[in-house]
């Protein structure tokens, strides 16, 4: 191991150290360092790039930054060796460990360090946010499930960044020779010992291809098996949750579960094959390590969904059991709120009755001849005495509500537990109630009265008057027919 810039440490003690293990990271290292140093105060942090087994321009790029960045070289291409080498060179605590493909500022690490001090937690990280730009639908489906697993939801640390306090670093000691250091650090600390700084976030970049996703999942599974064999049940191991439990809690769709299960199955098979071959090679997905070029929001570049996309969406809906369950609930609701209650009503002839009228206590509702009741109208009679009576030729616009009961207003009792006040509603012949109007209990509308759309009727209205407002009041008489003498 050789340290080429040991004489370039800052003169004042840094507030925290950042260790970046880097193996052939020329495509992403510049982006990582630029973001990290952009909002750093002078001498606030020391950055150590632990270059391991590099054969590209990673070391050259890191050295260009001069004093803020130290380069530690090791010949072996080994992440755990790079982490330990960086640890040996670092001087400050708290200490952040950052993958080279993560872009985050010094302010985020500063915020995590503040949370560690405030809460007494031993390890922390900023809030993880998935970057789905450029990802196909199958990748999104997989990660919608992944983001609902306790590994992600219970104070996530890892996935590219974690910060250790002095006490946390003492517990960790040296990094063991393992495949997945993120998993090891996560599982080493129980959930209350981990903390998330929600004021800052970092992007988790999923693979952009299914092959890349399986490769990454294979690496994760191998790392989990390795930890189980070497350390058994670590204290912070993520609790297990059934995928069907996610479905039952409506946190996942059946399609997403099927995608997640299929990818995991393929990765399990690939992991088993690697173990049989004795292959400990690092499965790195390159598709997620280059940020996609953003497209200009030009309408011409947004084609309409094709027939196969529409068919796939249709298949997802048909395969989702919640679709069928909800359909049964809608049928049940339609039965008890319309079909069953309509049979109890007293109705004249020549009715026009909307198919989705909501009816309550139909035995206390009567309609005259030729009434027109529009879509989504509510006719709610009282549970005990309140009746609704419509004369002939009444027209009620869509969305209107006619109710013969309301709740009391006594202080100290929630509305649902108040006694109901039930009073009859009488609507005379030829009345027109506009769309979305509300007619309250105990009201009588005189013959030929017109109630404007959106009005709230709280008192009797006279015959042959145009009425409106909240509360509704008479505005002017209805116009006389042409040629009338009166």
Protein backbone atom coordinates (compact mmCIF):
# COMPACT_ATOMS: atom_id res chain seq x y z
CA UNK A 1 0.00 0.00 0.00
CA UNK A 2 1.32 3.44 -0.82
CA UNK A 3 0.02 6.86 0.16
CA UNK A 4 1.09 9.36 -2.51
CA UNK A 5 -0.21 12.51 -0.79
CA UNK A 6 0.31 11.91 2.92
CA UNK A 7 1.96 15.33 3.23
CA UNK A 8 -1.17 17.14 2.01
CA UNK A 9 -3.44 16.71 5.03
CA UNK A 10 -5.30 19.87 6.03
CA UNK A 11 -3.58 21.84 8.76
CA UNK A 12 -6.75 22.07 10.88
CA UNK A 13 -8.56 18.94 12.03
CA UNK A 14 -11.44 18.04 9.70
CA UNK A 15 -14.98 17.66 11.05
CA UNK A 16 -15.49 14.27 9.40
CA UNK A 17 -13.86 11.91 6.94
CA UNK A 18 -15.31 10.50 3.72
CA UNK A 19 -13.92 7.24 2.37
CA UNK A 20 -14.66 6.36 -1.26
CA UNK A 21 -13.62 2.85 -2.35
CA UNK A 22 -12.96 3.04 -6.09
CA UNK A 23 -12.29 0.24 -8.57
CA UNK A 24 -12.20 1.51 -12.17
CA UNK A 25 -14.59 4.39 -11.47
CA UNK A 26 -13.41 6.91 -14.08
CA UNK A 27 -16.95 7.31 -15.45
CA UNK A 28 -18.52 8.38 -12.16
CA UNK A 29 -15.79 9.55 -9.77
CA UNK A 30 -15.63 13.13 -11.06
CA UNK A 31 -19.37 13.54 -10.63
CA UNK A 32 -19.15 12.15 -7.08
CA UNK A 33 -16.27 14.40 -5.98
CA UNK A 34 -17.71 17.54 -7.57
CA UNK A 35 -20.98 17.11 -5.69
CA UNK A 36 -19.23 16.30 -2.41
CA UNK A 37 -16.87 19.29 -2.49
CA UNK A 38 -19.29 21.85 -3.94
CA UNK A 39 -20.84 22.88 -0.60
CA UNK A 40 -18.02 21.85 1.75
CA UNK A 41 -16.49 24.45 4.05
CA UNK A 42 -12.69 24.88 3.89
CA UNK A 43 -10.93 22.10 5.78
CA UNK A 44 -14.31 20.73 6.92
CA UNK A 45 -13.77 17.24 5.56
CA UNK A 46 -11.04 14.96 4.38
CA UNK A 47 -11.85 12.83 1.36
CA UNK A 48 -9.93 9.61 0.88
CA UNK A 49 -10.24 7.79 -2.43
CA UNK A 50 -9.20 4.20 -1.77
CA UNK A 51 -8.26 3.08 -5.28
CA UNK A 52 -8.09 -0.71 -5.48
CA UNK A 53 -6.88 -2.67 -8.51
CA UNK A 54 -7.58 0.25 -10.86
CA UNK A 55 -6.55 -0.11 -14.51
CA UNK A 56 -8.30 3.02 -15.83
CA UNK A 57 -7.96 6.77 -15.07
CA UNK A 58 -9.56 6.66 -11.59
CA UNK A 59 -6.33 7.58 -9.74
CA UNK A 60 -5.45 10.33 -12.22
CA UNK A 61 -8.90 11.93 -11.85
CA UNK A 62 -8.75 11.84 -8.04
CA UNK A 63 -5.28 13.42 -7.90
CA UNK A 64 -6.41 16.40 -9.96
CA UNK A 65 -8.42 17.68 -6.97
CA UNK A 66 -5.27 18.35 -4.95
CA UNK A 67 -5.47 19.00 -1.19
CA UNK A 68 -9.17 18.23 -0.57
CA UNK A 69 -8.69 14.66 -1.80
CA UNK A 70 -6.14 12.06 -0.72
CA UNK A 71 -5.47 8.97 -2.79
CA UNK A 72 -4.64 5.63 -1.20
CA UNK A 73 -3.63 2.89 -3.62
CA UNK A 74 -3.77 -0.85 -3.13
CA UNK A 75 -2.96 -3.41 -5.80
CA UNK A 76 -5.73 -5.86 -4.91
CA UNK A 77 -9.18 -5.31 -6.44
CA UNK A 78 -11.06 -5.72 -3.17
CA UNK A 79 -13.70 -3.43 -1.71
CA UNK A 80 -13.26 -4.59 1.89
CA UNK A 81 -9.50 -4.08 1.60
CA UNK A 82 -10.09 -0.61 0.16
CA UNK A 83 -12.42 0.28 3.04
CA UNK A 84 -9.86 -0.86 5.61
CA UNK A 85 -7.08 1.03 3.82
CA UNK A 86 -9.20 4.18 3.79
CA UNK A 87 -9.98 3.68 7.47
CA UNK A 88 -6.28 3.43 8.29
CA UNK A 89 -5.62 6.73 6.51
CA UNK A 90 -8.62 8.63 7.89
CA UNK A 91 -8.24 10.87 10.94
CA UNK A 92 -11.73 12.16 11.75
CA UNK A 93 -14.99 10.82 13.15
CA UNK A 94 -17.88 10.66 12.30
CA UNK A 95 -16.83 8.80 9.16
CA UNK A 96 -18.82 8.45 5.96
CA UNK A 97 -18.43 5.58 3.48
CA UNK A 98 -19.54 6.53 0.01
CA UNK A 99 -19.75 4.53 -3.21
CA UNK A 100 -18.27 6.35 -6.19
CA UNK A 101 -21.53 6.29 -8.15
CA UNK A 102 -23.43 8.21 -5.44
CA UNK A 103 -23.75 11.98 -5.82
CA UNK A 104 -24.31 13.81 -2.55
CA UNK A 105 -23.10 17.04 -0.95
CA UNK A 106 -21.19 17.67 2.25
CA UNK A 107 -24.35 19.24 3.71
CA UNK A 108 -26.08 15.86 3.66
CA UNK A 109 -23.24 14.19 5.58
CA UNK A 110 -23.23 17.15 7.96
CA UNK A 111 -26.97 16.62 8.56
CA UNK A 112 -26.50 12.90 9.24
CA UNK A 113 -23.70 13.67 11.71
CA UNK A 114 -26.00 16.13 13.49
CA UNK A 115 -28.74 13.46 13.70
CA UNK A 116 -26.25 10.96 15.12
CA UNK A 117 -25.29 13.44 17.84
CA UNK A 118 -28.90 14.46 18.56
CA UNK A 119 -30.36 10.95 18.79
CA UNK A 120 -27.36 8.98 20.04
CA UNK A 121 -27.69 6.61 17.09
CA UNK A 122 -24.57 4.80 15.90
CA UNK A 123 -25.05 4.80 12.13
CA UNK A 124 -27.11 6.88 9.76
CA UNK A 125 -27.73 7.94 6.19
CA UNK A 126 -29.73 10.52 4.24
CA UNK A 127 -33.16 9.55 2.94
CA UNK A 128 -32.98 7.20 -0.06
CA UNK A 129 -35.02 8.12 -3.15
CA UNK A 130 -35.34 5.88 -6.19
CA UNK A 131 -34.28 7.39 -9.53
CA UNK A 132 -36.47 5.66 -12.11
CA UNK A 133 -35.52 7.89 -15.04
CA UNK A 134 -34.85 5.66 -18.03
CA UNK A 135 -36.04 2.48 -16.26
CA UNK A 136 -38.43 0.12 -18.07
CA UNK A 137 -41.71 -0.91 -16.44
CA UNK A 138 -40.42 -4.27 -15.19
CA UNK A 139 -37.62 -2.55 -13.23
CA UNK A 140 -40.14 -0.16 -11.68
CA UNK A 141 -42.37 -3.09 -10.71
CA UNK A 142 -39.50 -4.86 -8.94
CA UNK A 143 -38.45 -1.78 -6.97
CA UNK A 144 -42.00 -0.90 -5.97
CA UNK A 145 -41.91 -4.12 -3.93
CA UNK A 146 -38.30 -3.62 -2.81
CA UNK A 147 -39.19 -0.18 -1.40
CA UNK A 148 -41.95 -1.75 0.74
CA UNK A 149 -39.63 -4.28 2.41
CA UNK A 150 -38.39 -3.61 5.97
CA UNK A 151 -34.80 -3.38 4.66
CA UNK A 152 -35.83 -0.12 2.95
CA UNK A 153 -38.51 1.18 5.34
CA UNK A 154 -36.86 0.58 8.75
CA UNK A 155 -34.19 3.31 8.90
CA UNK A 156 -32.27 2.32 5.79
CA UNK A 157 -28.48 2.61 5.85
CA UNK A 158 -26.40 1.25 3.01
CA UNK A 159 -27.33 1.20 -0.67
CA UNK A 160 -24.27 3.32 -1.33
CA UNK A 161 -23.76 5.51 1.74
CA UNK A 162 -23.63 5.26 5.51
CA UNK A 163 -22.10 7.41 8.27
CA UNK A 164 -20.67 5.93 11.48
CA UNK A 165 -20.32 7.77 14.77
CA UNK A 166 -17.25 7.18 16.92
CA UNK A 167 -19.13 4.57 18.97
CA UNK A 168 -20.52 2.96 15.84
CA UNK A 169 -17.08 2.79 14.27
CA UNK A 170 -15.71 1.19 17.44
CA UNK A 171 -18.33 -1.53 17.22
CA UNK A 172 -17.61 -2.14 13.54
CA UNK A 173 -13.85 -2.39 13.90
CA UNK A 174 -12.27 -3.64 10.68
CA UNK A 175 -14.34 -4.62 7.67
CA UNK A 176 -14.43 -8.41 7.26
CA UNK A 177 -13.69 -10.09 3.93
CA UNK A 178 -17.29 -10.17 2.70
CA UNK A 179 -19.14 -9.43 -0.53
CA UNK A 180 -21.74 -6.99 0.78
CA UNK A 181 -20.47 -4.38 3.24
CA UNK A 182 -23.74 -2.38 3.04
CA UNK A 183 -25.73 -5.38 4.28
CA UNK A 184 -23.17 -6.11 7.01
CA UNK A 185 -23.23 -2.56 8.38
CA UNK A 186 -27.03 -2.45 8.22
CA UNK A 187 -27.41 -5.75 10.06
CA UNK A 188 -24.75 -4.94 12.65
CA UNK A 189 -26.98 -2.25 14.20
CA UNK A 190 -30.54 -2.65 15.44
CA UNK A 191 -33.27 -0.39 14.05
CA UNK A 192 -33.20 2.13 16.98
CA UNK A 193 -29.41 2.42 16.52
CA UNK A 194 -29.90 3.54 12.91
CA UNK A 195 -31.16 6.98 11.94
CA UNK A 196 -32.29 8.69 8.73
CA UNK A 197 -31.66 12.39 8.05
CA UNK A 198 -34.87 13.23 6.21
CA UNK A 199 -33.78 16.78 5.44
CA UNK A 200 -31.43 15.45 2.75
CA UNK A 201 -31.74 12.68 0.20
CA UNK A 202 -29.61 10.66 -2.16
CA UNK A 203 -30.59 8.88 -5.34
CA UNK A 204 -30.54 5.11 -5.61
CA UNK A 205 -30.06 4.29 -9.29
CA UNK A 206 -31.59 0.94 -10.26
CA UNK A 207 -30.28 -1.06 -13.20
CA UNK A 208 -31.65 -0.05 -16.59
CA UNK A 209 -31.96 -3.62 -17.92
CA UNK A 210 -33.45 -6.87 -16.62
CA UNK A 211 -30.07 -8.58 -17.00
CA UNK A 212 -28.48 -5.86 -14.86
CA UNK A 213 -31.24 -6.23 -12.27
CA UNK A 214 -30.72 -10.00 -12.01
CA UNK A 215 -26.97 -9.44 -11.74
CA UNK A 216 -27.42 -6.99 -8.87
CA UNK A 217 -29.97 -9.21 -7.14
CA UNK A 218 -27.60 -12.19 -7.49
CA UNK A 219 -24.86 -10.24 -5.74
CA UNK A 220 -27.25 -9.31 -2.93
CA UNK A 221 -28.36 -12.89 -2.37
CA UNK A 222 -24.79 -14.17 -2.32
CA UNK A 223 -23.90 -11.49 0.20
CA UNK A 224 -26.86 -12.41 2.42
CA UNK A 225 -25.94 -16.11 2.40
CA UNK A 226 -22.34 -15.27 3.18
CA UNK A 227 -23.35 -13.19 6.20
CA UNK A 228 -25.68 -15.93 7.48
CA UNK A 229 -22.92 -18.54 7.24
CA UNK A 230 -20.26 -16.43 8.91
CA UNK A 231 -22.18 -14.43 11.52
CA UNK A 232 -25.56 -16.09 11.93
CA UNK A 233 -28.45 -13.77 12.88
CA UNK A 234 -27.01 -10.28 13.27
CA UNK A 235 -28.97 -7.94 15.60
CA UNK A 236 -30.18 -5.53 12.91
CA UNK A 237 -31.21 -8.10 10.32
CA UNK A 238 -34.33 -6.85 8.54
CA UNK A 239 -37.53 -8.47 9.76
CA UNK A 240 -39.22 -10.74 7.26
CA UNK A 241 -42.53 -9.89 5.67
CA UNK A 242 -44.66 -12.05 3.42
CA UNK A 243 -45.22 -10.77 -0.09
CA UNK A 244 -48.86 -11.76 0.29
CA UNK A 245 -49.01 -9.55 3.37
CA UNK A 246 -48.04 -6.61 1.16
CA UNK A 247 -50.87 -7.58 -1.17
CA UNK A 248 -53.34 -7.86 1.69
CA UNK A 249 -52.33 -4.44 3.02
CA UNK A 250 -52.81 -2.98 -0.49
CA UNK A 251 -49.17 -1.88 -0.57
CA UNK A 252 -48.47 -3.88 -3.72
CA UNK A 253 -50.17 -5.17 -6.85
CA UNK A 254 -50.18 -8.78 -7.94
CA UNK A 255 -48.27 -7.87 -11.12
CA UNK A 256 -45.45 -6.23 -9.13
CA UNK A 257 -45.31 -9.25 -6.82
CA UNK A 258 -45.04 -11.60 -9.80
CA UNK A 259 -42.18 -9.54 -11.27
CA UNK A 260 -40.37 -9.43 -7.93
CA UNK A 261 -40.76 -13.17 -7.41
CA UNK A 262 -39.59 -14.00 -10.95
CA UNK A 263 -36.47 -11.80 -10.71
CA UNK A 264 -35.64 -13.19 -7.26
CA UNK A 265 -36.06 -16.75 -8.54
CA UNK A 266 -33.72 -16.09 -11.46
CA UNK A 267 -31.18 -14.47 -9.15
CA UNK A 268 -31.42 -17.38 -6.70
CA UNK A 269 -30.62 -19.80 -9.51
CA UNK A 270 -27.71 -17.65 -10.69
CA UNK A 271 -26.35 -17.39 -7.13
CA UNK A 272 -26.53 -21.17 -6.69
CA UNK A 273 -24.63 -21.68 -9.95
CA UNK A 274 -21.91 -19.23 -8.89
CA UNK A 275 -21.49 -20.98 -5.56
CA UNK A 276 -21.20 -24.36 -7.25
CA UNK A 277 -18.46 -22.99 -9.51
CA UNK A 278 -16.70 -21.37 -6.57
CA UNK A 279 -16.99 -18.03 -8.37
CA UNK A 280 -16.54 -15.05 -6.04
CA UNK A 281 -16.37 -12.49 -8.82
CA UNK A 282 -17.99 -9.10 -8.22
CA UNK A 283 -21.25 -8.80 -10.19
CA UNK A 284 -21.30 -5.09 -11.02
CA UNK A 285 -24.11 -3.63 -13.06
CA UNK A 286 -22.79 -0.95 -15.40
CA UNK A 287 -26.18 0.23 -16.70
CA UNK A 288 -26.93 2.18 -13.51
CA UNK A 289 -23.57 3.92 -13.32
CA UNK A 290 -24.18 6.43 -16.08
CA UNK A 291 -26.96 8.94 -15.57
CA UNK A 292 -29.39 8.99 -18.53
CA UNK A 293 -29.38 12.07 -20.74
CA UNK A 294 -32.60 14.02 -20.01
CA UNK A 295 -34.90 14.50 -22.96
CA UNK A 296 -36.44 17.81 -23.84
CA UNK A 297 -40.18 17.92 -23.07
CA UNK A 298 -41.25 18.11 -26.71
CA UNK A 299 -44.72 16.86 -27.45
CA UNK A 300 -43.58 15.06 -30.59
CA UNK A 301 -41.16 12.94 -28.52
CA UNK A 302 -43.96 11.55 -26.36
CA UNK A 303 -45.69 8.91 -28.52
CA UNK A 304 -49.09 7.55 -27.60
CA UNK A 305 -49.00 4.20 -25.80
CA UNK A 306 -48.93 1.30 -28.25
CA UNK A 307 -51.37 -1.58 -28.41
CA UNK A 308 -48.99 -3.92 -26.55
CA UNK A 309 -48.60 -1.40 -23.72
CA UNK A 310 -52.38 -1.14 -23.41
CA UNK A 311 -52.77 -4.92 -23.50
CA UNK A 312 -50.12 -5.30 -20.78
CA UNK A 313 -51.90 -2.78 -18.57
CA UNK A 314 -55.18 -4.58 -19.16
CA UNK A 315 -53.61 -7.91 -18.24
CA UNK A 316 -52.18 -6.40 -15.04
CA UNK A 317 -55.66 -5.23 -14.04
CA UNK A 318 -57.26 -8.57 -14.81
CA UNK A 319 -54.61 -10.46 -12.82
CA UNK A 320 -54.92 -8.23 -9.77
CA UNK A 321 -57.29 -9.92 -7.26
CA UNK A 322 -58.11 -6.52 -5.77
CA UNK A 323 -59.83 -5.66 -9.06
CA UNK A 324 -62.24 -8.56 -8.63
CA UNK A 325 -62.72 -7.95 -4.93
CA UNK A 326 -63.52 -4.31 -5.52
CA UNK A 327 -65.96 -5.25 -8.28
CA UNK A 328 -67.84 -7.44 -5.79
CA UNK A 329 -67.90 -4.58 -3.30
CA UNK A 330 -69.36 -2.26 -5.94
CA UNK A 331 -72.05 -4.82 -6.79
CA UNK A 332 -72.90 -5.23 -3.11
CA UNK A 333 -73.08 -1.45 -2.63
CA UNK A 334 -75.29 -1.06 -5.70
CA UNK A 335 -77.65 -3.72 -4.36
CA UNK A 336 -78.20 -2.29 -0.89
CA UNK A 337 -78.16 1.38 -1.96
CA UNK A 338 -80.34 1.11 -5.09
CA UNK A 339 -81.80 -2.21 -6.24
CA UNK A 340 -83.13 -3.44 -2.90
CA UNK A 341 -84.39 -0.04 -1.74
CA UNK A 342 -86.01 0.82 -5.08
CA UNK A 343 -88.31 -2.20 -4.69
CA UNK A 344 -89.68 -0.68 -1.48
CA UNK A 345 -90.60 2.68 -3.03
CA UNK A 346 -94.07 3.72 -4.13
CA UNK A 347 -93.78 4.95 -7.72
CA UNK A 348 -96.26 6.21 -10.28
CA UNK A 349 -96.01 5.67 -14.02
CA UNK A 350 -93.68 7.10 -16.65
CA UNK A 351 -90.64 7.45 -14.41
CA UNK A 352 -87.14 8.31 -15.63
CA UNK A 353 -84.89 7.08 -12.83
CA UNK A 354 -81.08 7.24 -12.91
CA UNK A 355 -79.28 3.88 -12.59
CA UNK A 356 -77.05 5.13 -9.79
CA UNK A 357 -79.54 6.95 -7.57
CA UNK A 358 -78.71 6.37 -3.89
CA UNK A 359 -81.80 5.41 -1.87
CA UNK A 360 -82.21 5.00 1.89
CA UNK A 361 -85.35 3.64 3.57
CA UNK A 362 -87.28 3.32 0.33
CA UNK A 363 -90.47 2.30 2.13
CA UNK A 364 -90.87 5.95 3.20
CA UNK A 365 -90.35 7.42 -0.29
CA UNK A 366 -93.17 7.95 -2.81
CA UNK A 367 -93.04 9.40 -6.32
CA UNK A 368 -95.93 10.66 -8.44
CA UNK A 369 -96.26 10.18 -12.19
CA UNK A 370 -93.65 11.14 -14.80
CA UNK A 371 -90.90 12.08 -12.33
CA UNK A 372 -87.36 12.50 -13.64
CA UNK A 373 -84.63 11.66 -11.11
CA UNK A 374 -81.13 12.23 -12.51
CA UNK A 375 -77.81 10.46 -12.06
CA UNK A 376 -76.16 10.33 -8.64
CA UNK A 377 -79.21 11.81 -6.88
CA UNK A 378 -79.58 10.90 -3.19
CA UNK A 379 -83.08 10.23 -1.83
CA UNK A 380 -82.57 9.55 1.87
CA UNK A 381 -85.69 9.08 3.99
CA UNK A 382 -85.52 8.82 7.78
CA UNK A 383 -84.87 5.60 9.64
CA UNK A 384 -88.11 5.85 11.67
CA UNK A 385 -90.56 8.55 10.55
CA UNK A 386 -89.10 10.99 8.05
CA UNK A 387 -90.81 10.64 4.64
CA UNK A 388 -90.02 12.03 1.17
CA UNK A 389 -93.00 12.69 -1.08
CA UNK A 390 -92.69 13.83 -4.72
CA UNK A 391 -95.69 15.01 -6.72
CA UNK A 392 -96.24 14.56 -10.43
CA UNK A 393 -93.78 15.82 -13.06
CA UNK A 394 -90.97 16.54 -10.58
CA UNK A 395 -87.49 16.84 -12.08
CA UNK A 396 -84.35 16.48 -9.96
CA UNK A 397 -80.98 17.27 -11.57
CA UNK A 398 -77.85 15.11 -11.23
CA UNK A 399 -76.01 15.10 -7.93
CA UNK A 400 -78.87 16.63 -5.90
CA UNK A 401 -79.52 15.47 -2.32
CA UNK A 402 -82.96 15.22 -0.69
CA UNK A 403 -82.86 14.06 2.94
CA UNK A 404 -85.58 13.71 5.56
CA UNK A 405 -83.26 13.47 8.57
CA UNK A 406 -80.22 15.14 10.05
CA UNK A 407 -78.12 14.91 13.17
CA UNK A 408 -78.46 16.94 16.35
CA UNK A 409 -76.03 19.70 17.32
CA UNK A 410 -75.58 19.28 21.07
CA UNK A 411 -72.13 20.21 22.35
CA UNK A 412 -69.89 17.45 23.67
CA UNK A 413 -71.33 14.62 21.59
CA UNK A 414 -69.76 13.56 18.27
CA UNK A 415 -72.15 13.95 15.29
CA UNK A 416 -72.39 10.20 14.66
CA UNK A 417 -73.74 9.70 18.22
CA UNK A 418 -76.26 12.56 18.14
CA UNK A 419 -79.97 11.63 17.99
CA UNK A 420 -81.42 12.07 14.50
CA UNK A 421 -84.06 14.70 13.76
CA UNK A 422 -86.52 13.29 11.22
CA UNK A 423 -89.03 15.53 9.41
CA UNK A 424 -91.02 15.01 6.24
CA UNK A 425 -89.98 16.54 2.92
CA UNK A 426 -92.83 17.40 0.52
CA UNK A 427 -92.07 18.37 -3.10
CA UNK A 428 -95.07 19.64 -5.04
CA UNK A 429 -96.13 18.97 -8.60
CA UNK A 430 -93.92 20.33 -11.36
CA UNK A 431 -90.97 21.24 -9.11
CA UNK A 432 -87.52 21.44 -10.71
CA UNK A 433 -84.49 20.97 -8.44
CA UNK A 434 -81.21 21.89 -10.15
CA UNK A 435 -77.99 19.88 -10.19
CA UNK A 436 -76.12 19.48 -6.89
CA UNK A 437 -78.80 21.24 -4.87
CA UNK A 438 -79.48 20.09 -1.30
CA UNK A 439 -82.97 19.88 0.20
CA UNK A 440 -82.89 19.41 3.97
CA UNK A 441 -85.36 17.79 6.38
CA UNK A 442 -88.76 19.37 7.09
CA UNK A 443 -88.92 21.42 3.88
CA UNK A 444 -91.96 21.89 1.60
CA UNK A 445 -91.45 23.08 -1.99
CA UNK A 446 -94.59 24.63 -3.45
CA UNK A 447 -96.03 23.54 -6.79
CA UNK A 448 -93.99 24.74 -9.79
CA UNK A 449 -91.07 25.96 -7.64
CA UNK A 450 -87.63 26.05 -9.30
CA UNK A 451 -84.49 25.57 -7.14
CA UNK A 452 -81.24 26.75 -8.72
CA UNK A 453 -78.23 24.46 -9.12
CA UNK A 454 -76.02 24.24 -6.04
CA UNK A 455 -78.59 25.82 -3.71
CA UNK A 456 -79.18 24.65 -0.14
CA UNK A 457 -82.87 24.61 0.85
CA UNK A 458 -83.36 24.97 4.62
CA UNK A 459 -86.91 26.40 4.71
CA UNK A 460 -90.19 26.22 2.78
CA UNK A 461 -90.23 27.82 -0.67
CA UNK A 462 -93.40 29.23 -2.27
CA UNK A 463 -95.09 27.96 -5.41
CA UNK A 464 -94.09 29.14 -8.89
CA UNK A 465 -91.01 31.02 -7.71
CA UNK A 466 -87.43 30.84 -8.95
CA UNK A 467 -85.28 30.31 -5.85
CA UNK A 468 -81.57 29.98 -5.20
CA UNK A 469 -78.64 30.65 -2.89
CA UNK A 470 -77.22 29.33 0.36
CA UNK A 471 -79.62 29.25 2.07
CA UNK A 472 -82.11 29.29 -0.82
CA UNK A 473 -84.62 32.14 -0.97
CA UNK A 474 -87.20 33.35 -3.50
CA UNK A 475 -85.65 35.49 -6.25
CA UNK A 476 -88.45 36.22 -8.70
CA UNK A 477 -91.69 34.68 -9.98
CA UNK A 478 -91.61 32.28 -12.91
CA UNK A 479 -92.40 34.05 -16.21
CA UNK A 480 -95.99 33.84 -17.43
CA UNK A 481 -96.79 31.96 -20.66
CA UNK A 482 -96.94 34.10 -23.79
CA UNK A 483 -100.41 35.57 -24.29
CA UNK A 484 -101.38 35.14 -20.62
CA UNK A 485 -103.83 37.76 -19.27
CA UNK A 486 -102.59 37.59 -15.71
